[in-house]
C-alpha atoms as a PDB file:
ATOM      1  CA  UNK A   1       6.350  -9.799 -11.152  1.00  0.00           C
ATOM      2  CA  UNK A   2       3.070  -8.592  -9.657  1.00  0.00           C
ATOM      3  CA  UNK A   3       2.770  -6.528  -6.517  1.00  0.00           C
ATOM      4  CA  UNK A   4      -0.673  -6.100  -4.946  1.00  0.00           C
ATOM      5  CA  UNK A   5      -0.832  -2.942  -2.852  1.00  0.00           C
ATOM      6  CA  UNK A   6      -3.720  -2.471  -0.428  1.00  0.00           C
ATOM      7  CA  UNK A   7      -4.546  -0.163   2.435  1.00  0.00           C
ATOM      8  CA  UNK A   8      -7.209   0.942   4.867  1.00  0.00           C
ATOM      9  CA  UNK A   9      -9.154  -2.314   5.145  1.00  0.00           C
ATOM     10  CA  UNK A  10     -10.291  -1.409   8.689  1.00  0.00           C
ATOM     11  CA  UNK A  11     -10.792  -4.880  10.143  1.00  0.00           C
ATOM     12  CA  UNK A  12     -12.128  -6.577   7.025  1.00  0.00           C
ATOM     13  CA  UNK A  13     -10.151  -9.825   6.724  1.00  0.00           C
ATOM     14  CA  UNK A  14     -12.522 -11.175   4.086  1.00  0.00           C
ATOM     15  CA  UNK A  15     -11.534  -8.584   1.477  1.00  0.00           C
ATOM     16  CA  UNK A  16      -7.811  -9.218   2.105  1.00  0.00           C
ATOM     17  CA  UNK A  17      -8.214 -12.989   1.758  1.00  0.00           C
ATOM     18  CA  UNK A  18     -10.321 -12.563  -1.384  1.00  0.00           C
ATOM     19  CA  UNK A  19      -7.614 -10.471  -3.081  1.00  0.00           C
ATOM     20  CA  UNK A  20      -4.863 -12.861  -2.008  1.00  0.00           C
ATOM     21  CA  UNK A  21      -6.755 -15.773  -3.584  1.00  0.00           C
ATOM     22  CA  UNK A  22      -7.009 -13.884  -6.890  1.00  0.00           C
ATOM     23  CA  UNK A  23      -3.236 -13.395  -7.133  1.00  0.00           C
ATOM     24  CA  UNK A  24      -1.563 -16.610  -5.898  1.00  0.00           C
ATOM     25  CA  UNK A  25       1.866 -15.670  -7.325  1.00  0.00           C
ATOM     26  CA  UNK A  26       1.936 -12.008  -6.336  1.00  0.00           C
ATOM     27  CA  UNK A  27       3.662 -10.232  -3.473  1.00  0.00           C
ATOM     28  CA  UNK A  28       1.411  -8.270  -1.102  1.00  0.00           C
ATOM     29  CA  UNK A  29       1.792  -4.927   0.646  1.00  0.00           C
ATOM     30  CA  UNK A  30      -0.648  -3.467   3.170  1.00  0.00           C
ATOM     31  CA  UNK A  31      -0.096   0.237   3.833  1.00  0.00           C
ATOM     32  CA  UNK A  32      -1.739   0.315   7.240  1.00  0.00           C
ATOM     33  CA  UNK A  33      -5.061   0.676   8.988  1.00  0.00           C
ATOM     34  CA  UNK A  34      -5.741  -3.028   8.732  1.00  0.00           C
ATOM     35  CA  UNK A  35      -6.945  -2.804  12.345  1.00  0.00           C
ATOM     36  CA  UNK A  36      -5.703  -6.380  12.716  1.00  0.00           C
ATOM     37  CA  UNK A  37      -3.054  -8.018  14.853  1.00  0.00           C
ATOM     38  CA  UNK A  38       0.260  -8.686  13.103  1.00  0.00           C
ATOM     39  CA  UNK A  39      -0.260 -12.454  13.396  1.00  0.00           C
ATOM     40  CA  UNK A  40      -3.775 -12.484  11.898  1.00  0.00           C
ATOM     41  CA  UNK A  41      -3.937 -15.225   9.265  1.00  0.00           C
ATOM     42  CA  UNK A  42      -5.127 -12.797   6.567  1.00  0.00           C
ATOM     43  CA  UNK A  43      -1.829 -10.887   6.925  1.00  0.00           C
ATOM     44  CA  UNK A  44       0.360 -13.969   6.452  1.00  0.00           C
ATOM     45  CA  UNK A  45       2.894 -13.293   3.677  1.00  0.00           C
ATOM     46  CA  UNK A  46       1.919  -9.604   3.556  1.00  0.00           C
ATOM     47  CA  UNK A  47       4.345  -6.746   4.170  1.00  0.00           C
ATOM     48  CA  UNK A  48       2.305  -4.584   6.534  1.00  0.00           C
ATOM     49  CA  UNK A  49       2.879  -1.341   8.430  1.00  0.00           C
ATOM     50  CA  UNK A  50       1.014   0.349  11.259  1.00  0.00           C
ATOM     51  CA  UNK A  51      -1.549   3.035  10.473  1.00  0.00           C
ATOM     52  CA  UNK A  52      -3.140   5.593  12.759  1.00  0.00           C
ATOM     53  CA  UNK A  53      -6.024   3.184  13.544  1.00  0.00           C
ATOM     54  CA  UNK A  54      -3.767   0.186  14.276  1.00  0.00           C
ATOM     55  CA  UNK A  55      -3.166  -0.695  17.919  1.00  0.00           C
ATOM     56  CA  UNK A  56      -0.762  -3.636  17.497  1.00  0.00           C
ATOM     57  CA  UNK A  57       2.656  -2.461  18.698  1.00  0.00           C
ATOM     58  CA  UNK A  58       4.307  -5.352  16.817  1.00  0.00           C
ATOM     59  CA  UNK A  59       3.580  -3.534  13.545  1.00  0.00           C
ATOM     60  CA  UNK A  60       6.283  -1.147  12.345  1.00  0.00           C
ATOM     61  CA  UNK A  61       5.716   2.417  11.143  1.00  0.00           C
ATOM     62  CA  UNK A  62       7.698   1.860   7.959  1.00  0.00           C
ATOM     63  CA  UNK A  63       9.370  -0.910   5.998  1.00  0.00           C
ATOM     64  CA  UNK A  64      11.763  -0.957   3.087  1.00  0.00           C
ATOM     65  CA  UNK A  65      11.692  -3.976   0.805  1.00  0.00           C
ATOM     66  CA  UNK A  66      13.293  -4.749  -2.532  1.00  0.00           C
ATOM     67  CA  UNK A  67      11.249  -6.131  -5.432  1.00  0.00           C
ATOM     68  CA  UNK A  68      12.582  -6.607  -8.978  1.00  0.00           C
ATOM     69  CA  UNK A  69      15.605  -4.476  -8.107  1.00  0.00           C
ATOM     70  CA  UNK A  70      13.397  -1.636  -6.832  1.00  0.00           C
ATOM     71  CA  UNK A  71      13.677  -0.375  -3.259  1.00  0.00           C
ATOM     72  CA  UNK A  72      10.167   0.278  -1.968  1.00  0.00           C
ATOM     73  CA  UNK A  73       9.274   2.336   1.095  1.00  0.00           C
ATOM     74  CA  UNK A  74       6.009   1.284   2.750  1.00  0.00           C
ATOM     75  CA  UNK A  75       4.309   3.688   5.183  1.00  0.00           C
ATOM     76  CA  UNK A  76       0.782   4.624   6.138  1.00  0.00           C
ATOM     77  CA  UNK A  77       1.359   8.328   5.598  1.00  0.00           C
ATOM     78  CA  UNK A  78      -0.201   9.866   8.691  1.00  0.00           C
ATOM     79  CA  UNK A  79       3.242  10.938   9.969  1.00  0.00           C
ATOM     80  CA  UNK A  80       4.103  12.480   6.580  1.00  0.00           C
ATOM     81  CA  UNK A  81       1.265  15.023   6.195  1.00  0.00           C
ATOM     82  CA  UNK A  82       0.001  13.231   3.071  1.00  0.00           C
ATOM     83  CA  UNK A  83      -3.312  15.099   3.075  1.00  0.00           C
ATOM     84  CA  UNK A  84      -1.379  18.226   2.097  1.00  0.00           C
ATOM     85  CA  UNK A  85       1.542  17.030  -0.012  1.00  0.00           C
ATOM     86  CA  UNK A  86       3.302  13.857  -1.167  1.00  0.00           C
ATOM     87  CA  UNK A  87       6.690  15.587  -1.014  1.00  0.00           C
ATOM     88  CA  UNK A  88       7.474  14.421   2.516  1.00  0.00           C
ATOM     89  CA  UNK A  89       7.128  10.834   1.259  1.00  0.00           C
ATOM     90  CA  UNK A  90       9.473  11.580  -1.628  1.00  0.00           C
ATOM     91  CA  UNK A  91      12.051  13.135   0.719  1.00  0.00           C
ATOM     92  CA  UNK A  92      11.874  10.103   3.035  1.00  0.00           C
ATOM     93  CA  UNK A  93      12.215   7.718   0.084  1.00  0.00           C
ATOM     94  CA  UNK A  94      15.292   9.576  -1.132  1.00  0.00           C
ATOM     95  CA  UNK A  95      16.825   9.389   2.370  1.00  0.00           C
ATOM     96  CA  UNK A  96      16.428   5.607   2.187  1.00  0.00           C
ATOM     97  CA  UNK A  97      17.430   5.383  -1.518  1.00  0.00           C
ATOM     98  CA  UNK A  98      13.983   4.015  -2.415  1.00  0.00           C
ATOM     99  CA  UNK A  99      12.474   4.722  -5.829  1.00  0.00           C
ATOM    100  CA  UNK A 100       8.912   3.724  -4.949  1.00  0.00           C
ATOM    101  CA  UNK A 101       6.671   4.673  -2.044  1.00  0.00           C
ATOM    102  CA  UNK A 102       3.435   2.876  -1.144  1.00  0.00           C
ATOM    103  CA  UNK A 103       1.145   4.656   1.315  1.00  0.00           C
ATOM    104  CA  UNK A 104      -2.469   4.933   2.412  1.00  0.00           C
ATOM    105  CA  UNK A 105      -4.319   7.082   4.954  1.00  0.00           C
ATOM    106  CA  UNK A 106      -6.191   9.371   2.534  1.00  0.00           C
ATOM    107  CA  UNK A 107      -8.438   6.617   1.086  1.00  0.00           C
ATOM    108  CA  UNK A 108      -7.866   8.227  -2.341  1.00  0.00           C
ATOM    109  CA  UNK A 109      -6.241   6.133  -5.076  1.00  0.00           C
ATOM    110  CA  UNK A 110      -3.497   7.640  -7.201  1.00  0.00           C
ATOM    111  CA  UNK A 111      -0.028   7.151  -8.611  1.00  0.00           C
ATOM    112  CA  UNK A 112       2.486   9.648  -9.904  1.00  0.00           C
ATOM    113  CA  UNK A 113       6.176  10.092 -10.527  1.00  0.00           C
ATOM    114  CA  UNK A 114       7.694  12.843  -8.399  1.00  0.00           C
ATOM    115  CA  UNK A 115      11.415  13.560  -8.717  1.00  0.00           C
ATOM    116  CA  UNK A 116      12.169  10.002  -9.932  1.00  0.00           C
ATOM    117  CA  UNK A 117      10.104   8.361  -7.160  1.00  0.00           C
ATOM    118  CA  UNK A 118       6.934   6.427  -8.004  1.00  0.00           C
ATOM    119  CA  UNK A 119       4.370   7.367  -5.339  1.00  0.00           C
ATOM    120  CA  UNK A 120       1.392   4.970  -5.071  1.00  0.00           C
ATOM    121  CA  UNK A 121      -1.719   5.178  -2.923  1.00  0.00           C
ATOM    122  CA  UNK A 122      -3.997   2.178  -3.571  1.00  0.00           C
ATOM    123  CA  UNK A 123      -7.020   3.909  -2.055  1.00  0.00           C
ATOM    124  CA  UNK A 124      -9.148   2.080   0.472  1.00  0.00           C
ATOM    125  CA  UNK A 125     -10.517  -1.416  -0.052  1.00  0.00           C
ATOM    126  CA  UNK A 126     -13.481  -0.678   2.223  1.00  0.00           C
ATOM    127  CA  UNK A 127     -14.130   3.087   2.439  1.00  0.00           C
ATOM    128  CA  UNK A 128     -13.212   5.183  -0.603  1.00  0.00           C
ATOM    129  CA  UNK A 129     -13.204   8.950  -0.111  1.00  0.00           C
ATOM    130  CA  UNK A 130     -13.269   9.886  -3.795  1.00  0.00           C
ATOM    131  CA  UNK A 131     -15.289   9.251  -6.928  1.00  0.00           C
ATOM    132  CA  UNK A 132     -13.067   6.193  -7.480  1.00  0.00           C
ATOM    133  CA  UNK A 133     -14.654   3.056  -5.958  1.00  0.00           C
ATOM    134  CA  UNK A 134     -13.043   0.912  -3.246  1.00  0.00           C
ATOM    135  CA  UNK A 135      -9.794  -0.276  -4.778  1.00  0.00           C
ATOM    136  CA  UNK A 136      -6.325  -1.714  -4.551  1.00  0.00           C
ATOM    137  CA  UNK A 137      -3.319  -1.161  -6.801  1.00  0.00           C
ATOM    138  CA  UNK A 138      -1.729  -3.781  -9.005  1.00  0.00           C
ATOM    139  CA  UNK A 139       1.866  -2.906  -9.889  1.00  0.00           C
ATOM    140  CA  UNK A 140       3.358  -5.094 -12.588  1.00  0.00           C
ATOM    141  CA  UNK A 141       7.052  -5.112 -13.441  1.00  0.00           C
ATOM    142  CA  UNK A 142       8.132  -5.884 -16.984  1.00  0.00           C
ATOM    143  CA  UNK A 143      11.306  -3.809 -17.485  1.00  0.00           C
ATOM    144  CA  UNK A 144       9.409  -0.916 -15.854  1.00  0.00           C
ATOM    145  CA  UNK A 145       6.558  -0.567 -13.357  1.00  0.00           C
ATOM    146  CA  UNK A 146       2.981  -0.285 -14.611  1.00  0.00           C
ATOM    147  CA  UNK A 147       0.271   0.582 -12.064  1.00  0.00           C
ATOM    148  CA  UNK A 148      -3.440  -0.178 -12.399  1.00  0.00           C
ATOM    149  CA  UNK A 149      -6.208   0.436  -9.902  1.00  0.00           C
ATOM    150  CA  UNK A 150      -8.642  -2.430  -9.511  1.00  0.00           C
ATOM    151  CA  UNK A 151     -12.204  -1.993  -8.277  1.00  0.00           C
ATOM    152  CA  UNK A 152     -12.611  -4.382  -5.325  1.00  0.00           C
ATOM    153  CA  UNK A 153     -16.137  -5.347  -6.395  1.00  0.00           C
ATOM    154  CA  UNK A 154     -15.127  -6.120  -9.983  1.00  0.00           C
ATOM    155  CA  UNK A 155     -11.745  -7.700  -9.194  1.00  0.00           C
END
């Protein structure tokens, strides 16, 4: 099972479609700031939440999905003070009995286990704010989750 996690594409449908073509059998998560309408073709078959730059009221602030027996909380992160600490995300995940959180907002890729919750930020696919290039996360499940960050330009 492959899960492609993306965020902060800021209106760029081309980069979303390009990644979807590369992983025809994967599931897709977008952690907000797509700046697209919920019914945009590029977001078809993508679990997507609203970010602070999204204006479409049809998008939800958070979603919980289940993949490979794992409950996953999807948020953008702007309501959870993610620039200061990931702990608010962990607390929210525990409230919902999720063991993985996918979020964006900071444009900084990273993944870590905190109190038995896997916290993943795929970075931004269009505007990285760290030394790491524009990226998305590829989470692969084979008895446990493995997370890799993929450079958008190198795919």
